[in-house]
N, C-alpha and C. Protein backbone atom coordinates (compact mmCIF):
# COMPACT_ATOMS: atom_id res chain seq x y z
N MET A 1 133.56 175.70 130.29
CA MET A 1 132.40 175.03 129.67
C MET A 1 132.78 174.51 128.29
N ARG A 2 132.50 173.27 128.06
CA ARG A 2 132.88 172.64 126.79
C ARG A 2 131.74 172.78 125.78
N THR A 3 132.07 173.29 124.61
CA THR A 3 131.04 173.48 123.57
C THR A 3 131.09 172.32 122.57
N THR A 4 129.89 171.97 122.06
CA THR A 4 129.77 170.89 121.07
C THR A 4 129.91 171.47 119.66
N PRO A 5 130.76 170.89 118.81
CA PRO A 5 130.89 171.40 117.43
C PRO A 5 129.54 171.39 116.73
N LEU A 6 129.36 172.39 115.84
CA LEU A 6 128.07 172.52 115.16
C LEU A 6 127.72 171.28 114.36
N TRP A 7 128.74 170.66 113.74
CA TRP A 7 128.43 169.52 112.88
C TRP A 7 128.02 168.29 113.67
N ARG A 8 128.25 168.33 115.02
CA ARG A 8 127.85 167.20 115.86
C ARG A 8 126.56 167.50 116.63
N ASP A 9 126.00 168.68 116.42
CA ASP A 9 124.76 169.05 117.10
C ASP A 9 123.60 168.25 116.50
N THR A 10 122.93 167.44 117.32
CA THR A 10 121.85 166.58 116.82
C THR A 10 120.68 167.39 116.29
N ARG A 11 120.43 168.54 116.86
CA ARG A 11 119.32 169.36 116.38
C ARG A 11 119.60 169.88 114.98
N LEU A 12 120.83 170.34 114.76
CA LEU A 12 121.18 170.81 113.42
C LEU A 12 121.17 169.67 112.41
N GLN A 13 121.61 168.49 112.85
CA GLN A 13 121.58 167.34 111.96
C GLN A 13 120.15 166.99 111.56
N SER A 14 119.23 167.05 112.54
CA SER A 14 117.82 166.77 112.25
C SER A 14 117.25 167.79 111.28
N LEU A 15 117.59 169.07 111.51
CA LEU A 15 117.11 170.12 110.60
C LEU A 15 117.66 169.92 109.19
N ALA A 16 118.92 169.50 109.10
CA ALA A 16 119.52 169.28 107.79
C ALA A 16 118.83 168.13 107.05
N VAL A 17 118.51 167.06 107.79
CA VAL A 17 117.82 165.92 107.18
C VAL A 17 116.43 166.34 106.69
N ILE A 18 115.72 167.10 107.53
CA ILE A 18 114.37 167.56 107.15
C ILE A 18 114.45 168.45 105.91
N ALA A 19 115.46 169.34 105.89
CA ALA A 19 115.62 170.23 104.74
C ALA A 19 115.88 169.44 103.46
N LEU A 20 116.72 168.41 103.56
CA LEU A 20 116.99 167.57 102.38
C LEU A 20 115.74 166.85 101.91
N LEU A 21 114.95 166.35 102.86
CA LEU A 21 113.71 165.67 102.48
C LEU A 21 112.74 166.62 101.79
N VAL A 22 112.63 167.84 102.32
CA VAL A 22 111.73 168.83 101.71
C VAL A 22 112.19 169.18 100.30
N VAL A 23 113.51 169.39 100.14
CA VAL A 23 114.03 169.71 98.81
C VAL A 23 113.79 168.56 97.83
N GLY A 24 114.02 167.32 98.31
CA GLY A 24 113.77 166.17 97.44
C GLY A 24 112.31 166.06 97.03
N ALA A 25 111.40 166.31 97.99
CA ALA A 25 109.97 166.25 97.67
C ALA A 25 109.59 167.32 96.66
N LEU A 26 110.15 168.53 96.81
CA LEU A 26 109.86 169.61 95.86
C LEU A 26 110.37 169.27 94.47
N VAL A 27 111.54 168.65 94.39
CA VAL A 27 112.09 168.26 93.09
C VAL A 27 111.19 167.22 92.42
N LEU A 28 110.70 166.25 93.20
CA LEU A 28 109.82 165.22 92.65
C LEU A 28 108.51 165.83 92.15
N VAL A 29 107.93 166.74 92.95
CA VAL A 29 106.68 167.38 92.54
C VAL A 29 106.87 168.19 91.27
N ALA A 30 107.98 168.93 91.20
CA ALA A 30 108.25 169.73 90.00
C ALA A 30 108.43 168.84 88.77
N ASP A 31 109.12 167.71 88.95
CA ASP A 31 109.32 166.79 87.83
C ASP A 31 108.00 166.19 87.36
N MET A 32 107.12 165.84 88.30
CA MET A 32 105.81 165.29 87.94
C MET A 32 104.97 166.32 87.19
N LEU A 33 105.01 167.57 87.66
CA LEU A 33 104.23 168.62 87.00
C LEU A 33 104.73 168.85 85.58
N LEU A 34 106.06 168.85 85.40
CA LEU A 34 106.61 169.03 84.06
C LEU A 34 106.23 167.87 83.15
N SER A 35 106.25 166.64 83.69
CA SER A 35 105.88 165.47 82.89
C SER A 35 104.41 165.53 82.48
N TRP A 36 103.54 165.89 83.43
CA TRP A 36 102.11 165.99 83.12
C TRP A 36 101.86 167.06 82.07
N ARG A 37 102.57 168.20 82.20
CA ARG A 37 102.37 169.28 81.24
C ARG A 37 102.82 168.85 79.85
N ALA A 38 103.96 168.15 79.78
CA ALA A 38 104.46 167.68 78.48
C ALA A 38 103.51 166.66 77.87
N GLU A 39 102.98 165.75 78.70
CA GLU A 39 102.06 164.74 78.18
C GLU A 39 100.76 165.37 77.72
N ALA A 40 100.27 166.35 78.48
CA ALA A 40 99.03 167.03 78.08
C ALA A 40 99.22 167.75 76.75
N GLY A 41 100.39 168.37 76.57
CA GLY A 41 100.66 169.04 75.30
C GLY A 41 100.73 168.06 74.15
N THR A 42 101.34 166.89 74.40
CA THR A 42 101.44 165.87 73.35
C THR A 42 100.07 165.34 72.95
N LEU A 43 99.23 165.05 73.95
CA LEU A 43 97.89 164.54 73.65
C LEU A 43 97.04 165.59 72.93
N ALA A 44 97.21 166.86 73.32
CA ALA A 44 96.48 167.92 72.64
C ALA A 44 96.88 168.00 71.16
N LEU A 45 98.18 167.79 70.90
CA LEU A 45 98.65 167.79 69.52
C LEU A 45 98.07 166.62 68.75
N TYR A 46 98.02 165.43 69.38
CA TYR A 46 97.42 164.27 68.72
C TYR A 46 95.96 164.53 68.37
N GLU A 47 95.22 165.10 69.33
CA GLU A 47 93.80 165.36 69.09
C GLU A 47 93.61 166.39 67.97
N GLU A 48 94.49 167.39 67.93
CA GLU A 48 94.40 168.39 66.86
C GLU A 48 94.66 167.76 65.50
N ARG A 49 95.69 166.89 65.45
CA ARG A 49 95.99 166.21 64.18
C ARG A 49 94.83 165.30 63.76
N THR A 50 94.25 164.60 64.74
CA THR A 50 93.15 163.69 64.43
C THR A 50 91.93 164.46 63.93
N ALA A 51 91.64 165.61 64.57
CA ALA A 51 90.51 166.43 64.14
C ALA A 51 90.73 166.93 62.71
N LEU A 52 91.97 167.33 62.40
CA LEU A 52 92.28 167.79 61.05
C LEU A 52 92.11 166.66 60.04
N LEU A 53 92.56 165.47 60.44
CA LEU A 53 92.43 164.31 59.56
C LEU A 53 90.97 163.97 59.31
N GLU A 54 90.15 164.03 60.38
CA GLU A 54 88.72 163.75 60.21
C GLU A 54 88.08 164.73 59.25
N SER A 55 88.49 166.01 59.35
CA SER A 55 87.94 167.02 58.45
C SER A 55 88.30 166.73 57.01
N LYS A 56 89.57 166.31 56.78
CA LYS A 56 89.99 165.98 55.43
C LYS A 56 89.29 164.73 54.92
N ALA A 57 89.16 163.74 55.81
CA ALA A 57 88.54 162.48 55.40
C ALA A 57 87.07 162.67 55.02
N SER A 58 86.39 163.59 55.74
CA SER A 58 84.96 163.79 55.47
C SER A 58 84.72 164.49 54.13
N THR A 59 85.74 165.18 53.61
CA THR A 59 85.58 165.89 52.34
C THR A 59 86.29 165.22 51.18
N SER A 60 86.98 164.11 51.45
CA SER A 60 87.74 163.43 50.40
C SER A 60 86.97 162.22 49.90
N PRO A 61 86.76 162.09 48.59
CA PRO A 61 86.09 160.91 48.06
C PRO A 61 86.99 159.69 48.16
N VAL A 62 86.38 158.54 48.27
CA VAL A 62 87.14 157.29 48.34
C VAL A 62 87.60 156.93 46.93
N GLN A 63 88.92 156.77 46.75
CA GLN A 63 89.47 156.46 45.45
C GLN A 63 89.46 154.94 45.25
N GLN A 64 88.79 154.50 44.20
CA GLN A 64 88.75 153.08 43.90
C GLN A 64 88.98 152.89 42.41
N GLY A 65 89.83 151.90 42.07
CA GLY A 65 90.09 151.61 40.68
C GLY A 65 88.88 150.96 40.03
N ALA A 66 88.78 151.14 38.72
CA ALA A 66 87.62 150.60 38.02
C ALA A 66 87.60 149.09 38.06
N ASN A 67 88.80 148.48 38.05
CA ASN A 67 88.86 147.02 38.03
C ASN A 67 89.20 146.42 39.38
N GLN A 68 89.19 147.24 40.44
CA GLN A 68 89.57 146.75 41.77
C GLN A 68 88.44 145.92 42.36
N ALA A 69 88.76 144.73 42.83
CA ALA A 69 87.76 143.87 43.46
C ALA A 69 87.48 144.35 44.86
N LEU A 70 86.21 144.43 45.23
CA LEU A 70 85.82 144.90 46.55
C LEU A 70 85.64 143.72 47.50
N ASP A 71 86.03 143.93 48.76
CA ASP A 71 85.79 142.92 49.78
C ASP A 71 84.31 142.85 50.08
N PRO A 72 83.84 141.73 50.65
CA PRO A 72 82.43 141.63 51.00
C PRO A 72 82.02 142.76 51.93
N GLY A 73 80.94 143.45 51.60
CA GLY A 73 80.47 144.56 52.42
C GLY A 73 81.00 145.90 51.98
N GLU A 74 82.09 145.92 51.17
CA GLU A 74 82.64 147.18 50.71
C GLU A 74 81.82 147.71 49.54
N GLY A 75 81.90 149.01 49.30
CA GLY A 75 81.18 149.63 48.20
C GLY A 75 79.74 149.97 48.54
N LYS A 76 79.34 149.78 49.80
CA LYS A 76 77.98 150.09 50.22
C LYS A 76 78.02 151.18 51.28
N ILE A 77 76.95 151.93 51.39
CA ILE A 77 76.86 152.98 52.40
C ILE A 77 76.33 152.42 53.71
N LEU A 78 75.35 151.51 53.63
CA LEU A 78 74.71 150.96 54.82
C LEU A 78 75.21 149.56 55.12
N LEU A 79 75.16 149.20 56.39
CA LEU A 79 75.47 147.83 56.80
C LEU A 79 74.38 146.90 56.29
N ASP A 80 74.77 145.69 55.95
CA ASP A 80 73.83 144.75 55.35
C ASP A 80 73.74 143.50 56.21
N ALA A 81 72.64 143.35 56.94
CA ALA A 81 72.40 142.15 57.74
C ALA A 81 70.92 142.11 58.11
N GLN A 82 70.44 140.92 58.41
CA GLN A 82 69.02 140.75 58.67
C GLN A 82 68.63 141.06 60.11
N THR A 83 69.49 140.71 61.08
CA THR A 83 69.16 140.90 62.49
C THR A 83 70.19 141.81 63.15
N SER A 84 69.83 142.32 64.35
CA SER A 84 70.74 143.21 65.08
C SER A 84 72.03 142.49 65.45
N GLY A 85 71.92 141.21 65.84
CA GLY A 85 73.12 140.46 66.19
C GLY A 85 74.05 140.28 65.02
N LEU A 86 73.49 139.96 63.86
CA LEU A 86 74.31 139.77 62.66
C LEU A 86 74.92 141.08 62.18
N VAL A 87 74.18 142.17 62.29
CA VAL A 87 74.71 143.44 61.82
C VAL A 87 75.84 143.92 62.73
N SER A 88 75.76 143.62 64.03
CA SER A 88 76.85 143.97 64.94
C SER A 88 78.10 143.16 64.61
N ALA A 89 77.91 141.88 64.30
CA ALA A 89 79.04 141.03 63.93
C ALA A 89 79.68 141.52 62.63
N GLU A 90 78.86 141.93 61.67
CA GLU A 90 79.38 142.45 60.41
C GLU A 90 80.13 143.76 60.64
N PHE A 91 79.60 144.60 61.52
CA PHE A 91 80.24 145.86 61.88
C PHE A 91 81.64 145.58 62.45
N GLN A 92 81.74 144.62 63.36
CA GLN A 92 83.02 144.27 63.98
C GLN A 92 84.01 143.74 62.94
N ARG A 93 83.52 142.93 62.00
CA ARG A 93 84.40 142.37 60.98
C ARG A 93 84.98 143.46 60.08
N LEU A 94 84.12 144.40 59.67
CA LEU A 94 84.59 145.48 58.81
C LEU A 94 85.60 146.36 59.54
N LEU A 95 85.34 146.64 60.83
CA LEU A 95 86.28 147.44 61.60
C LEU A 95 87.62 146.72 61.74
N SER A 96 87.58 145.42 62.00
CA SER A 96 88.82 144.65 62.13
C SER A 96 89.63 144.69 60.85
N ASP A 97 88.96 144.58 59.70
CA ASP A 97 89.66 144.63 58.42
C ASP A 97 90.36 145.97 58.23
N ARG A 98 89.68 147.06 58.56
CA ARG A 98 90.26 148.38 58.35
C ARG A 98 91.42 148.63 59.31
N VAL A 99 91.30 148.13 60.53
CA VAL A 99 92.37 148.31 61.52
C VAL A 99 93.61 147.51 61.11
N GLU A 100 93.40 146.28 60.65
CA GLU A 100 94.53 145.42 60.28
C GLU A 100 95.27 145.96 59.06
N ARG A 101 94.57 146.66 58.18
CA ARG A 101 95.22 147.19 56.98
C ARG A 101 96.34 148.18 57.29
N VAL A 102 96.25 148.88 58.41
CA VAL A 102 97.26 149.87 58.76
C VAL A 102 98.22 149.33 59.82
N GLY A 103 98.12 148.04 60.14
CA GLY A 103 99.04 147.44 61.09
C GLY A 103 98.69 147.66 62.55
N ALA A 104 97.48 148.15 62.83
CA ALA A 104 97.04 148.34 64.21
C ALA A 104 96.40 147.06 64.74
N VAL A 105 96.13 147.04 66.05
CA VAL A 105 95.59 145.83 66.69
C VAL A 105 94.39 146.22 67.55
N ILE A 106 93.30 145.49 67.40
CA ILE A 106 92.13 145.69 68.26
C ILE A 106 92.30 144.83 69.51
N ARG A 107 92.24 145.47 70.68
CA ARG A 107 92.35 144.75 71.94
C ARG A 107 91.00 144.41 72.55
N ARG A 108 89.99 145.22 72.26
CA ARG A 108 88.66 144.96 72.83
C ARG A 108 87.60 145.59 71.95
N VAL A 109 86.52 144.86 71.74
CA VAL A 109 85.36 145.37 71.00
C VAL A 109 84.13 145.10 71.83
N ASP A 110 83.26 146.09 71.92
CA ASP A 110 82.07 145.94 72.75
C ASP A 110 80.89 146.63 72.08
N VAL A 111 79.72 146.06 72.26
CA VAL A 111 78.48 146.67 71.77
C VAL A 111 77.75 147.24 72.98
N PRO A 112 77.56 148.57 73.06
CA PRO A 112 76.85 149.15 74.20
C PRO A 112 75.46 148.56 74.36
N ALA A 113 74.95 148.64 75.58
CA ALA A 113 73.64 148.06 75.87
C ALA A 113 72.56 148.64 74.98
N ASP A 114 72.69 149.93 74.64
CA ASP A 114 71.69 150.57 73.78
C ASP A 114 72.20 150.71 72.35
N GLY A 115 73.26 149.97 72.01
CA GLY A 115 73.89 150.19 70.73
C GLY A 115 73.44 149.28 69.61
N GLN A 116 72.74 148.19 69.91
CA GLN A 116 72.39 147.27 68.85
C GLN A 116 71.30 147.82 67.94
N ALA A 117 70.43 148.62 68.47
CA ALA A 117 69.37 149.19 67.65
C ALA A 117 68.93 150.50 68.27
N ALA A 118 69.15 151.60 67.57
CA ALA A 118 68.76 152.91 68.08
C ALA A 118 68.32 153.78 66.92
N ASP A 119 67.32 154.61 67.18
CA ASP A 119 66.87 155.54 66.15
C ASP A 119 67.93 156.60 65.92
N THR A 120 67.97 157.13 64.71
CA THR A 120 68.96 158.15 64.38
C THR A 120 68.63 159.49 65.02
N GLY A 121 67.35 159.72 65.36
CA GLY A 121 66.96 161.00 65.95
C GLY A 121 66.72 162.08 64.92
N ASP A 122 66.88 161.77 63.65
CA ASP A 122 66.68 162.73 62.58
C ASP A 122 65.42 162.34 61.80
N PRO A 123 64.40 163.22 61.75
CA PRO A 123 63.16 162.87 61.04
C PRO A 123 63.39 162.50 59.58
N GLN A 124 64.45 163.06 58.97
CA GLN A 124 64.72 162.77 57.57
C GLN A 124 65.34 161.38 57.38
N LEU A 125 65.77 160.78 58.48
CA LEU A 125 66.41 159.46 58.40
C LEU A 125 65.62 158.42 59.19
N GLU A 126 64.30 158.55 59.16
CA GLU A 126 63.46 157.65 59.94
C GLU A 126 63.57 156.20 59.49
N SER A 127 63.98 155.98 58.25
CA SER A 127 64.06 154.61 57.74
C SER A 127 65.37 153.92 58.13
N LEU A 128 66.27 154.64 58.81
CA LEU A 128 67.56 154.07 59.18
C LEU A 128 67.65 153.77 60.66
N GLU A 129 68.48 152.82 60.98
CA GLU A 129 68.72 152.40 62.35
C GLU A 129 70.22 152.53 62.64
N ARG A 130 70.56 153.14 63.78
CA ARG A 130 71.96 153.35 64.14
C ARG A 130 72.48 152.15 64.93
N ILE A 131 73.66 151.68 64.56
CA ILE A 131 74.33 150.59 65.27
C ILE A 131 75.62 151.15 65.87
N ARG A 132 75.78 151.02 67.19
CA ARG A 132 76.96 151.57 67.86
C ARG A 132 77.94 150.47 68.24
N LEU A 133 79.22 150.88 68.31
CA LEU A 133 80.29 149.95 68.63
C LEU A 133 81.40 150.73 69.34
N THR A 134 81.99 150.14 70.37
CA THR A 134 83.15 150.74 71.02
C THR A 134 84.33 149.78 70.89
N ALA A 135 85.52 150.33 70.76
CA ALA A 135 86.71 149.50 70.57
C ALA A 135 87.92 150.16 71.20
N ASP A 136 88.84 149.32 71.70
CA ASP A 136 90.15 149.76 72.17
C ASP A 136 91.18 149.27 71.17
N ILE A 137 91.94 150.19 70.61
CA ILE A 137 92.87 149.87 69.52
C ILE A 137 94.28 150.33 69.90
N GLU A 138 95.26 149.48 69.65
CA GLU A 138 96.66 149.85 69.82
C GLU A 138 97.22 150.21 68.44
N VAL A 139 97.78 151.42 68.34
CA VAL A 139 98.27 151.90 67.05
C VAL A 139 99.53 152.73 67.29
N MET A 140 100.46 152.66 66.35
CA MET A 140 101.66 153.49 66.44
C MET A 140 101.34 154.91 65.99
N GLU A 141 102.07 155.86 66.54
CA GLU A 141 101.79 157.27 66.27
C GLU A 141 101.79 157.59 64.79
N GLN A 142 102.76 157.05 64.05
CA GLN A 142 102.86 157.36 62.62
C GLN A 142 101.69 156.76 61.82
N SER A 143 101.05 155.73 62.37
CA SER A 143 99.95 155.07 61.65
C SER A 143 98.59 155.62 62.02
N LEU A 144 98.54 156.53 63.02
CA LEU A 144 97.25 157.05 63.47
C LEU A 144 96.47 157.76 62.37
N PRO A 145 97.09 158.65 61.57
CA PRO A 145 96.31 159.29 60.48
C PRO A 145 95.75 158.27 59.50
N ASP A 146 96.56 157.25 59.15
CA ASP A 146 96.07 156.23 58.22
C ASP A 146 94.90 155.45 58.82
N LEU A 147 94.97 155.19 60.13
CA LEU A 147 93.89 154.45 60.79
C LEU A 147 92.59 155.25 60.76
N MET A 148 92.65 156.53 61.13
CA MET A 148 91.43 157.34 61.15
C MET A 148 90.85 157.49 59.74
N TYR A 149 91.73 157.62 58.75
CA TYR A 149 91.24 157.73 57.38
C TYR A 149 90.59 156.42 56.94
N ALA A 150 91.22 155.29 57.29
CA ALA A 150 90.66 153.99 56.89
C ALA A 150 89.29 153.77 57.51
N ILE A 151 89.11 154.23 58.75
CA ILE A 151 87.82 154.04 59.43
C ILE A 151 86.73 154.90 58.80
N GLU A 152 87.02 156.17 58.56
CA GLU A 152 85.97 157.10 58.15
C GLU A 152 85.78 157.19 56.64
N ALA A 153 86.83 156.89 55.86
CA ALA A 153 86.71 157.05 54.41
C ALA A 153 86.26 155.77 53.72
N GLY A 154 86.18 154.66 54.46
CA GLY A 154 85.77 153.41 53.85
C GLY A 154 84.27 153.30 53.73
N SER A 155 83.83 152.19 53.20
CA SER A 155 82.40 151.92 53.10
C SER A 155 82.16 150.46 53.51
N PRO A 156 81.04 150.18 54.16
CA PRO A 156 79.96 151.08 54.57
C PRO A 156 80.45 152.20 55.50
N VAL A 157 79.62 153.22 55.62
CA VAL A 157 79.99 154.41 56.37
C VAL A 157 80.11 154.09 57.86
N MET A 158 81.20 154.56 58.47
CA MET A 158 81.38 154.52 59.92
C MET A 158 81.61 155.95 60.40
N VAL A 159 80.83 156.36 61.40
CA VAL A 159 80.93 157.71 61.95
C VAL A 159 81.58 157.64 63.32
N VAL A 160 82.59 158.47 63.56
CA VAL A 160 83.25 158.53 64.86
C VAL A 160 82.42 159.41 65.79
N ASP A 161 81.80 158.80 66.80
CA ASP A 161 81.00 159.55 67.76
C ASP A 161 81.87 160.19 68.84
N GLY A 162 82.99 159.55 69.16
CA GLY A 162 83.89 160.09 70.19
C GLY A 162 85.11 159.20 70.30
N PHE A 163 86.19 159.76 70.84
CA PHE A 163 87.40 158.96 71.02
C PHE A 163 88.24 159.55 72.15
N ARG A 164 89.12 158.71 72.69
CA ARG A 164 90.07 159.14 73.72
C ARG A 164 91.42 158.54 73.37
N LEU A 165 92.45 159.39 73.36
CA LEU A 165 93.78 158.97 72.93
C LEU A 165 94.76 159.16 74.08
N ARG A 166 95.59 158.15 74.32
CA ARG A 166 96.60 158.26 75.37
C ARG A 166 97.82 157.43 74.99
N LEU A 167 98.94 157.74 75.63
CA LEU A 167 100.15 156.96 75.42
C LEU A 167 99.98 155.57 76.01
N ASN A 168 100.44 154.57 75.30
CA ASN A 168 100.36 153.20 75.79
C ASN A 168 101.58 152.93 76.66
N ARG A 169 101.44 153.17 77.97
CA ARG A 169 102.59 153.06 78.87
C ARG A 169 103.07 151.62 79.03
N LYS A 170 102.17 150.63 78.90
CA LYS A 170 102.59 149.24 79.04
C LYS A 170 103.59 148.86 77.97
N VAL A 171 103.27 149.18 76.72
CA VAL A 171 104.20 148.88 75.63
C VAL A 171 105.44 149.72 75.75
N ASP A 172 105.28 150.99 76.18
CA ASP A 172 106.41 151.89 76.31
C ASP A 172 107.42 151.36 77.33
N MET A 173 106.94 150.82 78.46
CA MET A 173 107.84 150.30 79.48
C MET A 173 108.51 149.02 79.02
N LEU A 174 107.80 148.19 78.25
CA LEU A 174 108.39 146.95 77.77
C LEU A 174 109.51 147.21 76.78
N GLU A 175 109.33 148.22 75.93
CA GLU A 175 110.33 148.50 74.91
C GLU A 175 111.47 149.36 75.45
N GLY A 176 111.25 150.03 76.58
CA GLY A 176 112.31 150.76 77.27
C GLY A 176 112.91 151.88 76.45
N GLU A 177 114.24 151.89 76.39
CA GLU A 177 114.95 153.00 75.78
C GLU A 177 114.67 153.12 74.29
N VAL A 178 114.36 152.00 73.63
CA VAL A 178 114.11 152.07 72.19
C VAL A 178 112.91 152.93 71.90
N THR A 179 111.83 152.76 72.70
CA THR A 179 110.62 153.54 72.49
C THR A 179 110.82 154.99 72.88
N SER A 180 111.50 155.22 74.02
CA SER A 180 111.65 156.58 74.51
C SER A 180 112.46 157.44 73.56
N SER A 181 113.36 156.84 72.79
CA SER A 181 114.18 157.61 71.88
C SER A 181 113.62 157.64 70.47
N SER A 182 112.50 156.97 70.25
CA SER A 182 111.92 156.89 68.92
C SER A 182 110.78 157.87 68.78
N VAL A 183 110.61 158.39 67.56
CA VAL A 183 109.51 159.31 67.29
C VAL A 183 108.19 158.56 67.23
N ASP A 184 108.21 157.34 66.70
CA ASP A 184 107.01 156.54 66.52
C ASP A 184 106.69 155.81 67.82
N ARG A 185 105.72 156.35 68.59
CA ARG A 185 105.42 155.79 69.90
C ARG A 185 104.07 155.08 69.89
N PRO A 186 103.90 154.07 70.76
CA PRO A 186 102.63 153.32 70.82
C PRO A 186 101.54 154.14 71.50
N LEU A 187 100.35 154.10 70.92
CA LEU A 187 99.20 154.83 71.46
C LEU A 187 98.05 153.86 71.70
N SER A 188 97.19 154.23 72.65
CA SER A 188 95.95 153.49 72.89
C SER A 188 94.78 154.39 72.50
N LEU A 189 93.97 153.91 71.60
CA LEU A 189 92.82 154.67 71.10
C LEU A 189 91.54 153.98 71.52
N SER A 190 90.74 154.68 72.34
CA SER A 190 89.41 154.20 72.70
C SER A 190 88.41 154.98 71.86
N ILE A 191 87.65 154.28 71.04
CA ILE A 191 86.82 154.96 70.04
C ILE A 191 85.40 154.40 70.07
N THR A 192 84.43 155.29 69.83
CA THR A 192 83.02 154.91 69.72
C THR A 192 82.56 155.22 68.30
N LEU A 193 82.00 154.23 67.63
CA LEU A 193 81.61 154.35 66.23
C LEU A 193 80.13 154.07 66.04
N SER A 194 79.59 154.62 64.96
CA SER A 194 78.21 154.34 64.56
C SER A 194 78.19 153.91 63.11
N GLY A 195 77.36 152.90 62.84
CA GLY A 195 77.06 152.50 61.48
C GLY A 195 75.55 152.52 61.30
N PHE A 196 75.08 152.35 60.09
CA PHE A 196 73.65 152.48 59.83
C PHE A 196 73.16 151.35 58.93
N ARG A 197 71.93 150.95 59.16
CA ARG A 197 71.27 149.98 58.30
C ARG A 197 69.81 150.37 58.15
N GLU A 198 69.18 149.81 57.13
CA GLU A 198 67.75 150.07 56.95
C GLU A 198 66.96 149.30 58.00
N LYS A 199 65.92 149.93 58.51
CA LYS A 199 65.07 149.26 59.49
C LYS A 199 64.37 148.07 58.85
N PRO A 200 64.32 146.95 59.56
CA PRO A 200 63.65 145.76 58.99
C PRO A 200 62.15 145.98 58.89
């Protein structure tokens, strides 16, 4: 009786192929889990830094020179406009100025459906009207603290209602190895802001 060598046995070859596929799939899953864990840790660190910056910004007075000329709208606590449409436009202009000062870029600005005119909900602030704004901003990691400070420490007052921070993968893929080896990485910041004006 003639025996077939083990290495030529089709059943063993099939089992070997299946085993290799299973091992490859496990390696891919493990790599994805490690990447997700690393990214989650990085984003948690960004949020912690941002929260710390917000705390510092809320307790730090705005430093202005005695002879420094103020831009239109600066030096005031409340937004100044006659109508809801105009006050939203003024809000967007002020936000754009603060973002551009730190070298960041606004990709999208939107006024929520209920954001043009809303009560503050505080009986002590019945004379004020809340104006909401949402924006998507591209900012480098090293400039993020400066951006948050510029938004919250400037005047008129802007309050951060909420934000979401993530790595900007589109820019990261375009820049390739330069970005991956650099500490200063591109981020996408989705932020919701509130400003206030006196009720007409």
